[in-house]
Amino acid sequence: MRILGIDPGLATTGFGVIDVESHDLSYVASGTIRTTGIALGDLPGRLKILFEGVREVVATYQPQCASVEIVFVNVNPQSTLLLGQARGAAITGLVSCDLPVTEYTALQMKKAVVGHGHASKAQIQAMVMRLLRLPGQPSQDAADALGLAITHAHAAKSFAALGQATEVNRRTHAQYRGGRIY
């Protein structure tokens, strides 16, 4: 299975692609999509770059599924709203390519990759480098994206086993028009 991890950001969105075969993880690619060439006030232009960049990554590496970091609420609500819009552009790019998308918090990713939820960026980089046997350290954004892909590689097996063991019923309460559960 080929998994694409996305670490959304308005200025820099990280991506990481890994292959999973049985218990073996192997590195395929990683990098960033940058919107720094666009004026700060041109939010629609920046979102367009993120959307098209994610679609280009999907077309290039052909993943079977994707994992995206869930936005946390910052002290600054304006920053949170902008990050949420960048995340929305990335997710829209993924689902427009018919990819199933799974979401994980930063805490879940850090626990899965490093072993505790308060890991530093440097610790994530070091563990990603070790788990994927990389010759050099990836950038922070790419390491987070690779960490999300690794998290899904481990969690997807558990989700599949649970799905086979019991019937999974979707909750319908607190649901908005058949969409995401809030």
N, C-alpha and C. Protein backbone atom coordinates (compact mmCIF):
# COMPACT_ATOMS: atom_id res chain seq x y z
N MET A 1 0.84 -1.17 0.00
CA MET A 1 0.00 0.00 0.00
C MET A 1 0.89 1.24 0.00
N ARG A 2 0.53 2.23 -0.77
CA ARG A 2 1.26 3.50 -0.82
C ARG A 2 0.42 4.55 -0.10
N ILE A 3 1.02 5.23 0.89
CA ILE A 3 0.33 6.20 1.73
C ILE A 3 0.97 7.57 1.55
N LEU A 4 0.12 8.59 1.40
CA LEU A 4 0.55 9.98 1.33
C LEU A 4 0.18 10.67 2.62
N GLY A 5 1.15 11.28 3.28
CA GLY A 5 0.89 12.08 4.48
C GLY A 5 0.98 13.55 4.12
N ILE A 6 0.07 14.35 4.67
CA ILE A 6 0.04 15.79 4.41
C ILE A 6 0.05 16.54 5.74
N ASP A 7 1.02 17.46 5.88
CA ASP A 7 1.10 18.36 7.03
C ASP A 7 0.73 19.75 6.52
N PRO A 8 -0.54 20.16 6.67
CA PRO A 8 -0.99 21.39 6.04
C PRO A 8 -0.44 22.66 6.70
N GLY A 9 -0.20 23.64 5.87
CA GLY A 9 0.22 24.96 6.31
C GLY A 9 -0.04 25.94 5.19
N LEU A 10 -0.33 27.19 5.52
CA LEU A 10 -0.64 28.15 4.47
C LEU A 10 0.61 28.57 3.70
N ALA A 11 1.73 28.73 4.38
CA ALA A 11 2.98 29.10 3.70
C ALA A 11 3.70 27.86 3.17
N THR A 12 3.74 26.80 3.98
CA THR A 12 4.44 25.58 3.62
C THR A 12 3.61 24.37 4.02
N THR A 13 3.27 23.54 3.06
CA THR A 13 2.57 22.29 3.31
C THR A 13 3.55 21.16 3.02
N GLY A 14 3.76 20.30 4.02
CA GLY A 14 4.66 19.17 3.84
C GLY A 14 3.93 17.97 3.29
N PHE A 15 4.65 17.17 2.50
CA PHE A 15 4.08 15.90 2.04
C PHE A 15 5.13 14.82 2.18
N GLY A 16 4.66 13.60 2.42
CA GLY A 16 5.54 12.45 2.52
C GLY A 16 4.83 11.22 2.00
N VAL A 17 5.54 10.43 1.21
CA VAL A 17 4.97 9.24 0.61
C VAL A 17 5.79 8.03 1.04
N ILE A 18 5.10 7.01 1.54
CA ILE A 18 5.77 5.77 1.94
C ILE A 18 5.04 4.58 1.33
N ASP A 19 5.76 3.49 1.18
CA ASP A 19 5.17 2.21 0.79
C ASP A 19 5.17 1.31 2.01
N VAL A 20 4.10 0.54 2.16
CA VAL A 20 3.97 -0.39 3.27
C VAL A 20 3.75 -1.77 2.69
N GLU A 21 4.62 -2.70 3.05
CA GLU A 21 4.47 -4.09 2.64
C GLU A 21 4.65 -4.94 3.88
N SER A 22 3.58 -5.56 4.32
CA SER A 22 3.55 -6.31 5.55
C SER A 22 3.89 -5.35 6.70
N HIS A 23 5.03 -5.57 7.36
CA HIS A 23 5.44 -4.66 8.44
C HIS A 23 6.56 -3.73 8.01
N ASP A 24 6.97 -3.83 6.76
CA ASP A 24 8.09 -3.02 6.27
C ASP A 24 7.60 -1.69 5.72
N LEU A 25 8.25 -0.62 6.17
CA LEU A 25 7.98 0.71 5.68
C LEU A 25 9.15 1.14 4.80
N SER A 26 8.86 1.71 3.65
CA SER A 26 9.95 2.20 2.81
C SER A 26 9.60 3.59 2.28
N TYR A 27 10.60 4.41 2.25
CA TYR A 27 10.48 5.80 1.82
C TYR A 27 10.33 5.86 0.30
N VAL A 28 9.42 6.70 -0.17
CA VAL A 28 9.25 6.93 -1.60
C VAL A 28 9.67 8.35 -1.94
N ALA A 29 9.07 9.34 -1.26
CA ALA A 29 9.38 10.74 -1.55
C ALA A 29 8.87 11.63 -0.43
N SER A 30 9.39 12.84 -0.37
CA SER A 30 8.87 13.84 0.55
C SER A 30 9.29 15.21 0.05
N GLY A 31 8.63 16.22 0.56
CA GLY A 31 8.96 17.57 0.16
C GLY A 31 7.94 18.55 0.69
N THR A 32 7.93 19.74 0.10
CA THR A 32 7.01 20.78 0.54
C THR A 32 6.37 21.47 -0.66
N ILE A 33 5.19 21.98 -0.42
CA ILE A 33 4.50 22.84 -1.38
C ILE A 33 4.52 24.22 -0.74
N ARG A 34 5.16 25.17 -1.39
CA ARG A 34 5.31 26.51 -0.81
C ARG A 34 4.47 27.53 -1.55
N THR A 35 3.85 28.42 -0.77
CA THR A 35 3.07 29.50 -1.35
C THR A 35 3.72 30.85 -1.09
N THR A 36 4.96 30.85 -0.71
CA THR A 36 5.63 32.10 -0.33
C THR A 36 5.85 33.04 -1.51
N GLY A 37 5.72 32.56 -2.74
CA GLY A 37 5.87 33.42 -3.90
C GLY A 37 4.65 34.29 -4.17
N ILE A 38 3.56 34.00 -3.48
CA ILE A 38 2.31 34.74 -3.65
C ILE A 38 2.19 35.77 -2.52
N ALA A 39 1.62 36.92 -2.82
CA ALA A 39 1.45 37.97 -1.82
C ALA A 39 0.64 37.45 -0.63
N LEU A 40 1.00 37.90 0.58
CA LEU A 40 0.32 37.44 1.79
C LEU A 40 -1.18 37.71 1.75
N GLY A 41 -1.60 38.79 1.12
CA GLY A 41 -3.02 39.13 1.07
C GLY A 41 -3.81 38.34 0.04
N ASP A 42 -3.16 37.59 -0.81
CA ASP A 42 -3.85 36.83 -1.86
C ASP A 42 -4.15 35.41 -1.37
N LEU A 43 -5.09 35.31 -0.46
CA LEU A 43 -5.46 34.00 0.10
C LEU A 43 -5.98 33.04 -0.98
N PRO A 44 -6.89 33.48 -1.86
CA PRO A 44 -7.35 32.55 -2.90
C PRO A 44 -6.22 32.02 -3.78
N GLY A 45 -5.25 32.86 -4.11
CA GLY A 45 -4.11 32.41 -4.91
C GLY A 45 -3.27 31.37 -4.19
N ARG A 46 -3.08 31.58 -2.90
CA ARG A 46 -2.30 30.62 -2.10
C ARG A 46 -3.02 29.28 -1.98
N LEU A 47 -4.34 29.34 -1.76
CA LEU A 47 -5.13 28.11 -1.66
C LEU A 47 -5.12 27.35 -2.98
N LYS A 48 -5.14 28.07 -4.08
CA LYS A 48 -5.09 27.43 -5.40
C LYS A 48 -3.77 26.68 -5.57
N ILE A 49 -2.66 27.30 -5.15
CA ILE A 49 -1.36 26.63 -5.25
C ILE A 49 -1.35 25.35 -4.41
N LEU A 50 -1.91 25.41 -3.20
CA LEU A 50 -1.96 24.21 -2.34
C LEU A 50 -2.81 23.11 -2.99
N PHE A 51 -3.99 23.48 -3.47
CA PHE A 51 -4.88 22.51 -4.12
C PHE A 51 -4.19 21.85 -5.30
N GLU A 52 -3.63 22.66 -6.19
CA GLU A 52 -2.96 22.12 -7.38
C GLU A 52 -1.69 21.35 -7.02
N GLY A 53 -0.97 21.80 -6.00
CA GLY A 53 0.24 21.10 -5.57
C GLY A 53 -0.06 19.72 -5.03
N VAL A 54 -1.12 19.60 -4.23
CA VAL A 54 -1.52 18.29 -3.69
C VAL A 54 -1.94 17.37 -4.83
N ARG A 55 -2.71 17.90 -5.78
CA ARG A 55 -3.13 17.07 -6.92
C ARG A 55 -1.92 16.61 -7.74
N GLU A 56 -0.91 17.46 -7.87
CA GLU A 56 0.30 17.09 -8.61
C GLU A 56 1.06 15.98 -7.89
N VAL A 57 1.15 16.08 -6.56
CA VAL A 57 1.82 15.03 -5.78
C VAL A 57 1.07 13.71 -5.95
N VAL A 58 -0.25 13.74 -5.89
CA VAL A 58 -1.05 12.52 -6.07
C VAL A 58 -0.83 11.93 -7.46
N ALA A 59 -0.83 12.78 -8.48
CA ALA A 59 -0.63 12.30 -9.85
C ALA A 59 0.76 11.71 -10.03
N THR A 60 1.76 12.29 -9.39
CA THR A 60 3.14 11.84 -9.53
C THR A 60 3.38 10.51 -8.82
N TYR A 61 2.89 10.36 -7.58
CA TYR A 61 3.25 9.20 -6.76
C TYR A 61 2.15 8.15 -6.64
N GLN A 62 0.94 8.43 -7.08
CA GLN A 62 -0.15 7.47 -7.12
C GLN A 62 -0.40 6.73 -5.80
N PRO A 63 -0.63 7.45 -4.69
CA PRO A 63 -0.93 6.76 -3.42
C PRO A 63 -2.33 6.15 -3.44
N GLN A 64 -2.55 5.15 -2.56
CA GLN A 64 -3.86 4.53 -2.44
C GLN A 64 -4.72 5.21 -1.37
N CYS A 65 -4.08 5.93 -0.44
CA CYS A 65 -4.81 6.61 0.62
C CYS A 65 -3.96 7.75 1.16
N ALA A 66 -4.58 8.61 1.96
CA ALA A 66 -3.87 9.77 2.49
C ALA A 66 -4.22 9.97 3.96
N SER A 67 -3.30 10.59 4.68
CA SER A 67 -3.55 10.98 6.06
C SER A 67 -3.16 12.45 6.21
N VAL A 68 -3.98 13.18 6.95
CA VAL A 68 -3.82 14.62 7.10
C VAL A 68 -3.87 14.97 8.58
N GLU A 69 -3.07 15.95 8.98
CA GLU A 69 -3.09 16.40 10.36
C GLU A 69 -4.33 17.23 10.64
N ILE A 70 -4.95 16.98 11.78
CA ILE A 70 -6.11 17.75 12.22
C ILE A 70 -5.60 19.06 12.83
N VAL A 71 -6.25 20.15 12.49
CA VAL A 71 -5.86 21.47 12.99
C VAL A 71 -6.17 21.59 14.47
N PHE A 72 -5.25 22.16 15.21
CA PHE A 72 -5.50 22.45 16.61
C PHE A 72 -5.80 23.94 16.72
N VAL A 73 -6.47 24.35 17.80
CA VAL A 73 -6.84 25.74 17.98
C VAL A 73 -5.67 26.48 18.61
N ASN A 74 -5.19 27.49 17.91
CA ASN A 74 -4.10 28.33 18.40
C ASN A 74 -4.61 29.39 19.35
N VAL A 75 -3.67 30.11 19.95
CA VAL A 75 -4.03 31.26 20.76
C VAL A 75 -4.62 32.34 19.86
N ASN A 76 -4.10 32.45 18.64
CA ASN A 76 -4.56 33.44 17.68
C ASN A 76 -5.64 32.83 16.78
N PRO A 77 -6.90 33.25 16.94
CA PRO A 77 -7.96 32.65 16.13
C PRO A 77 -7.79 32.90 14.63
N GLN A 78 -7.22 34.03 14.25
CA GLN A 78 -7.01 34.32 12.83
C GLN A 78 -6.06 33.30 12.20
N SER A 79 -4.99 32.94 12.91
CA SER A 79 -4.05 31.93 12.42
C SER A 79 -4.72 30.58 12.28
N THR A 80 -5.58 30.24 13.23
CA THR A 80 -6.30 28.97 13.18
C THR A 80 -7.22 28.93 11.96
N LEU A 81 -7.91 30.03 11.69
CA LEU A 81 -8.81 30.07 10.53
C LEU A 81 -8.02 29.92 9.23
N LEU A 82 -6.89 30.61 9.12
CA LEU A 82 -6.08 30.51 7.90
C LEU A 82 -5.53 29.10 7.72
N LEU A 83 -5.07 28.48 8.81
CA LEU A 83 -4.57 27.11 8.73
C LEU A 83 -5.68 26.15 8.34
N GLY A 84 -6.88 26.39 8.87
CA GLY A 84 -8.03 25.55 8.51
C GLY A 84 -8.36 25.64 7.03
N GLN A 85 -8.22 26.83 6.46
CA GLN A 85 -8.48 26.99 5.03
C GLN A 85 -7.42 26.28 4.19
N ALA A 86 -6.17 26.34 4.63
CA ALA A 86 -5.10 25.63 3.92
C ALA A 86 -5.34 24.13 3.99
N ARG A 87 -5.75 23.66 5.16
CA ARG A 87 -6.06 22.25 5.34
C ARG A 87 -7.22 21.83 4.44
N GLY A 88 -8.24 22.67 4.36
CA GLY A 88 -9.37 22.40 3.50
C GLY A 88 -8.98 22.29 2.03
N ALA A 89 -8.08 23.18 1.59
CA ALA A 89 -7.61 23.13 0.20
C ALA A 89 -6.86 21.82 -0.06
N ALA A 90 -6.05 21.40 0.91
CA ALA A 90 -5.29 20.14 0.75
C ALA A 90 -6.23 18.94 0.72
N ILE A 91 -7.20 18.90 1.63
CA ILE A 91 -8.13 17.78 1.67
C ILE A 91 -8.98 17.74 0.40
N THR A 92 -9.40 18.91 -0.07
CA THR A 92 -10.18 18.97 -1.30
C THR A 92 -9.36 18.44 -2.47
N GLY A 93 -8.08 18.77 -2.51
CA GLY A 93 -7.20 18.23 -3.54
C GLY A 93 -7.13 16.72 -3.49
N LEU A 94 -7.08 16.17 -2.29
CA LEU A 94 -7.00 14.72 -2.12
C LEU A 94 -8.30 14.03 -2.55
N VAL A 95 -9.42 14.53 -2.05
CA VAL A 95 -10.68 13.86 -2.36
C VAL A 95 -11.08 14.08 -3.82
N SER A 96 -10.61 15.16 -4.45
CA SER A 96 -10.91 15.34 -5.87
C SER A 96 -10.17 14.31 -6.72
N CYS A 97 -9.17 13.67 -6.14
CA CYS A 97 -8.44 12.58 -6.81
C CYS A 97 -8.96 11.22 -6.34
N ASP A 98 -10.10 11.22 -5.66
CA ASP A 98 -10.76 10.00 -5.17
C ASP A 98 -9.93 9.21 -4.17
N LEU A 99 -9.15 9.90 -3.36
CA LEU A 99 -8.37 9.23 -2.32
C LEU A 99 -9.15 9.21 -1.01
N PRO A 100 -9.16 8.07 -0.31
CA PRO A 100 -9.72 8.08 1.05
C PRO A 100 -8.76 8.83 1.97
N VAL A 101 -9.32 9.67 2.84
CA VAL A 101 -8.52 10.52 3.72
C VAL A 101 -8.81 10.17 5.16
N THR A 102 -7.76 9.94 5.94
CA THR A 102 -7.86 9.70 7.37
C THR A 102 -7.17 10.84 8.08
N GLU A 103 -7.71 11.25 9.21
CA GLU A 103 -7.17 12.40 9.93
C GLU A 103 -6.62 11.98 11.29
N TYR A 104 -5.48 12.58 11.64
CA TYR A 104 -4.84 12.32 12.93
C TYR A 104 -4.41 13.64 13.56
N THR A 105 -4.45 13.69 14.88
CA THR A 105 -3.95 14.88 15.57
C THR A 105 -2.43 14.81 15.64
N ALA A 106 -1.81 15.94 15.92
CA ALA A 106 -0.36 15.97 16.10
C ALA A 106 0.04 15.07 17.26
N LEU A 107 -0.78 15.05 18.31
CA LEU A 107 -0.50 14.20 19.47
C LEU A 107 -0.50 12.72 19.09
N GLN A 108 -1.47 12.29 18.29
CA GLN A 108 -1.53 10.89 17.85
C GLN A 108 -0.31 10.54 17.01
N MET A 109 0.09 11.45 16.12
CA MET A 109 1.26 11.20 15.28
C MET A 109 2.52 11.10 16.12
N LYS A 110 2.69 12.01 17.05
CA LYS A 110 3.89 12.01 17.90
C LYS A 110 3.97 10.73 18.73
N LYS A 111 2.83 10.29 19.26
CA LYS A 111 2.81 9.05 20.05
C LYS A 111 3.17 7.86 19.18
N ALA A 112 2.65 7.83 17.95
CA ALA A 112 2.91 6.70 17.06
C ALA A 112 4.36 6.66 16.58
N VAL A 113 4.95 7.81 16.36
CA VAL A 113 6.30 7.85 15.78
C VAL A 113 7.38 7.89 16.85
N VAL A 114 7.21 8.72 17.87
CA VAL A 114 8.25 8.91 18.88
C VAL A 114 7.97 8.13 20.16
N GLY A 115 6.69 7.97 20.49
CA GLY A 115 6.36 7.22 21.70
C GLY A 115 5.74 8.07 22.78
N HIS A 116 5.75 9.39 22.62
CA HIS A 116 5.06 10.27 23.57
C HIS A 116 4.56 11.49 22.82
N GLY A 117 3.49 12.07 23.35
CA GLY A 117 2.79 13.13 22.65
C GLY A 117 3.41 14.51 22.71
N HIS A 118 4.47 14.66 23.48
CA HIS A 118 5.10 15.98 23.60
C HIS A 118 6.47 16.01 22.94
N ALA A 119 6.63 15.23 21.90
CA ALA A 119 7.92 15.15 21.19
C ALA A 119 8.20 16.46 20.46
N SER A 120 9.46 16.80 20.38
CA SER A 120 9.88 18.01 19.65
C SER A 120 9.98 17.69 18.16
N LYS A 121 10.07 18.76 17.37
CA LYS A 121 10.23 18.59 15.92
C LYS A 121 11.51 17.80 15.61
N ALA A 122 12.57 18.07 16.36
CA ALA A 122 13.84 17.36 16.14
C ALA A 122 13.70 15.87 16.43
N GLN A 123 12.93 15.52 17.46
CA GLN A 123 12.73 14.11 17.78
C GLN A 123 11.92 13.41 16.69
N ILE A 124 10.93 14.10 16.14
CA ILE A 124 10.15 13.53 15.05
C ILE A 124 11.05 13.30 13.84
N GLN A 125 11.87 14.29 13.50
CA GLN A 125 12.78 14.16 12.37
C GLN A 125 13.71 12.97 12.56
N ALA A 126 14.26 12.84 13.76
CA ALA A 126 15.21 11.75 14.02
C ALA A 126 14.54 10.38 13.92
N MET A 127 13.32 10.25 14.48
CA MET A 127 12.64 8.95 14.43
C MET A 127 12.18 8.60 13.02
N VAL A 128 11.70 9.59 12.27
CA VAL A 128 11.31 9.34 10.88
C VAL A 128 12.52 8.88 10.09
N MET A 129 13.64 9.55 10.31
CA MET A 129 14.89 9.17 9.63
C MET A 129 15.27 7.73 9.97
N ARG A 130 15.12 7.34 11.23
CA ARG A 130 15.47 5.99 11.66
C ARG A 130 14.47 4.95 11.14
N LEU A 131 13.17 5.23 11.26
CA LEU A 131 12.15 4.26 10.84
C LEU A 131 12.17 4.00 9.34
N LEU A 132 12.50 5.03 8.56
CA LEU A 132 12.51 4.87 7.10
C LEU A 132 13.92 4.68 6.54
N ARG A 133 14.90 4.59 7.44
CA ARG A 133 16.30 4.37 7.05
C ARG A 133 16.76 5.42 6.01
N LEU A 134 16.51 6.68 6.32
CA LEU A 134 16.88 7.77 5.42
C LEU A 134 18.35 8.15 5.60
N PRO A 135 19.04 8.53 4.54
CA PRO A 135 20.44 8.92 4.65
C PRO A 135 20.63 10.31 5.28
N GLY A 136 19.59 11.14 5.23
CA GLY A 136 19.67 12.48 5.79
C GLY A 136 18.37 12.86 6.45
N GLN A 137 18.42 13.98 7.16
CA GLN A 137 17.25 14.41 7.91
C GLN A 137 16.29 15.20 7.01
N PRO A 138 15.00 14.81 6.98
CA PRO A 138 14.03 15.58 6.19
C PRO A 138 13.72 16.91 6.88
N SER A 139 13.16 17.85 6.12
CA SER A 139 12.75 19.12 6.72
C SER A 139 11.65 18.85 7.75
N GLN A 140 11.38 19.82 8.62
CA GLN A 140 10.37 19.63 9.66
C GLN A 140 8.99 19.33 9.08
N ASP A 141 8.60 20.07 8.04
CA ASP A 141 7.29 19.85 7.44
C ASP A 141 7.21 18.49 6.76
N ALA A 142 8.25 18.10 6.06
CA ALA A 142 8.27 16.80 5.39
C ALA A 142 8.30 15.67 6.44
N ALA A 143 9.03 15.86 7.53
CA ALA A 143 9.10 14.85 8.59
C ALA A 143 7.74 14.65 9.23
N ASP A 144 7.02 15.75 9.48
CA ASP A 144 5.67 15.62 10.04
C ASP A 144 4.75 14.87 9.09
N ALA A 145 4.85 15.17 7.80
CA ALA A 145 4.02 14.49 6.80
C ALA A 145 4.36 13.00 6.72
N LEU A 146 5.65 12.68 6.75
CA LEU A 146 6.07 11.28 6.76
C LEU A 146 5.58 10.60 8.04
N GLY A 147 5.62 11.32 9.16
CA GLY A 147 5.11 10.80 10.43
C GLY A 147 3.62 10.48 10.36
N LEU A 148 2.86 11.32 9.68
CA LEU A 148 1.43 11.05 9.50
C LEU A 148 1.21 9.81 8.65
N ALA A 149 2.02 9.63 7.62
CA ALA A 149 1.92 8.43 6.78
C ALA A 149 2.28 7.18 7.59
N ILE A 150 3.31 7.27 8.41
CA ILE A 150 3.72 6.15 9.27
C ILE A 150 2.60 5.83 10.27
N THR A 151 2.01 6.87 10.85
CA THR A 151 0.90 6.68 11.80
C THR A 151 -0.23 5.91 11.13
N HIS A 152 -0.57 6.30 9.92
CA HIS A 152 -1.66 5.60 9.22
C HIS A 152 -1.26 4.18 8.85
N ALA A 153 0.00 3.96 8.54
CA ALA A 153 0.45 2.60 8.22
C ALA A 153 0.21 1.67 9.40
N HIS A 154 0.44 2.17 10.61
CA HIS A 154 0.21 1.35 11.81
C HIS A 154 -1.28 1.26 12.16
N ALA A 155 -1.99 2.38 12.08
CA ALA A 155 -3.39 2.41 12.50
C ALA A 155 -4.31 1.73 11.50
N ALA A 156 -3.99 1.78 10.22
CA ALA A 156 -4.86 1.19 9.20
C ALA A 156 -5.03 -0.30 9.42
N LYS A 157 -3.98 -0.97 9.88
CA LYS A 157 -4.07 -2.41 10.14
C LYS A 157 -5.08 -2.68 11.26
N SER A 158 -5.05 -1.86 12.30
CA SER A 158 -5.98 -2.02 13.41
C SER A 158 -7.41 -1.73 12.96
N PHE A 159 -7.59 -0.65 12.17
CA PHE A 159 -8.92 -0.31 11.68
C PHE A 159 -9.48 -1.44 10.81
N ALA A 160 -8.64 -2.02 9.98
CA ALA A 160 -9.09 -3.11 9.10
C ALA A 160 -9.48 -4.33 9.93
N ALA A 161 -8.69 -4.64 10.95
CA ALA A 161 -8.99 -5.79 11.80
C ALA A 161 -10.30 -5.57 12.56
N LEU A 162 -10.51 -4.36 13.05
CA LEU A 162 -11.77 -4.05 13.74
C LEU A 162 -12.95 -4.15 12.79
N GLY A 163 -12.76 -3.68 11.57
CA GLY A 163 -13.82 -3.74 10.58
C GLY A 163 -14.21 -5.16 10.22
N GLN A 164 -13.24 -6.07 10.22
CA GLN A 164 -13.52 -7.47 9.92
C GLN A 164 -14.12 -8.19 11.11
N ALA A 165 -13.75 -7.77 12.31
CA ALA A 165 -14.22 -8.46 13.51
C ALA A 165 -15.66 -8.11 13.85
N THR A 166 -16.09 -6.92 13.51
CA THR A 166 -17.44 -6.50 13.87
C THR A 166 -17.98 -5.56 12.80
N GLU A 167 -19.28 -5.50 12.75
CA GLU A 167 -19.90 -4.58 11.81
C GLU A 167 -19.73 -3.16 12.34
N VAL A 168 -19.25 -2.29 11.50
CA VAL A 168 -19.04 -0.90 11.90
C VAL A 168 -20.23 -0.09 11.42
N ASN A 169 -20.95 0.50 12.36
CA ASN A 169 -22.11 1.32 12.02
C ASN A 169 -21.77 2.79 12.21
N ARG A 170 -22.09 3.57 11.22
CA ARG A 170 -21.83 5.01 11.29
C ARG A 170 -22.88 5.66 12.18
N ARG A 171 -22.43 6.55 13.05
CA ARG A 171 -23.36 7.30 13.89
C ARG A 171 -24.12 8.30 13.03
N THR A 172 -25.38 8.46 13.34
CA THR A 172 -26.16 9.43 12.58
C THR A 172 -26.56 10.62 13.43
N HIS A 173 -26.44 10.54 14.75
CA HIS A 173 -26.75 11.71 15.56
C HIS A 173 -25.60 12.72 15.43
N ALA A 174 -25.93 13.96 15.62
CA ALA A 174 -24.95 15.06 15.56
C ALA A 174 -24.24 15.12 14.22
N GLN A 175 -24.94 14.72 13.19
CA GLN A 175 -24.34 14.68 11.87
C GLN A 175 -24.97 15.77 11.01
N TYR A 176 -24.18 16.42 10.22
CA TYR A 176 -24.68 17.50 9.37
C TYR A 176 -24.86 16.99 7.96
N ARG A 177 -26.05 16.82 7.52
CA ARG A 177 -26.40 16.41 6.16
C ARG A 177 -25.61 15.20 5.67
N GLY A 178 -25.47 14.21 6.48
CA GLY A 178 -24.80 12.98 6.07
C GLY A 178 -23.31 13.12 5.91
N GLY A 179 -22.73 14.18 6.41
CA GLY A 179 -21.29 14.41 6.27
C GLY A 179 -20.53 14.02 7.51
N ARG A 180 -19.58 14.81 7.85
CA ARG A 180 -18.69 14.53 8.96
C ARG A 180 -19.42 14.64 10.29
N ILE A 181 -19.04 13.80 11.24
CA ILE A 181 -19.65 13.81 12.57
C ILE A 181 -18.96 14.86 13.42
N TYR A 182 -19.75 15.69 14.09
CA TYR A 182 -19.19 16.75 14.95
C TYR A 182 -19.55 16.50 16.39
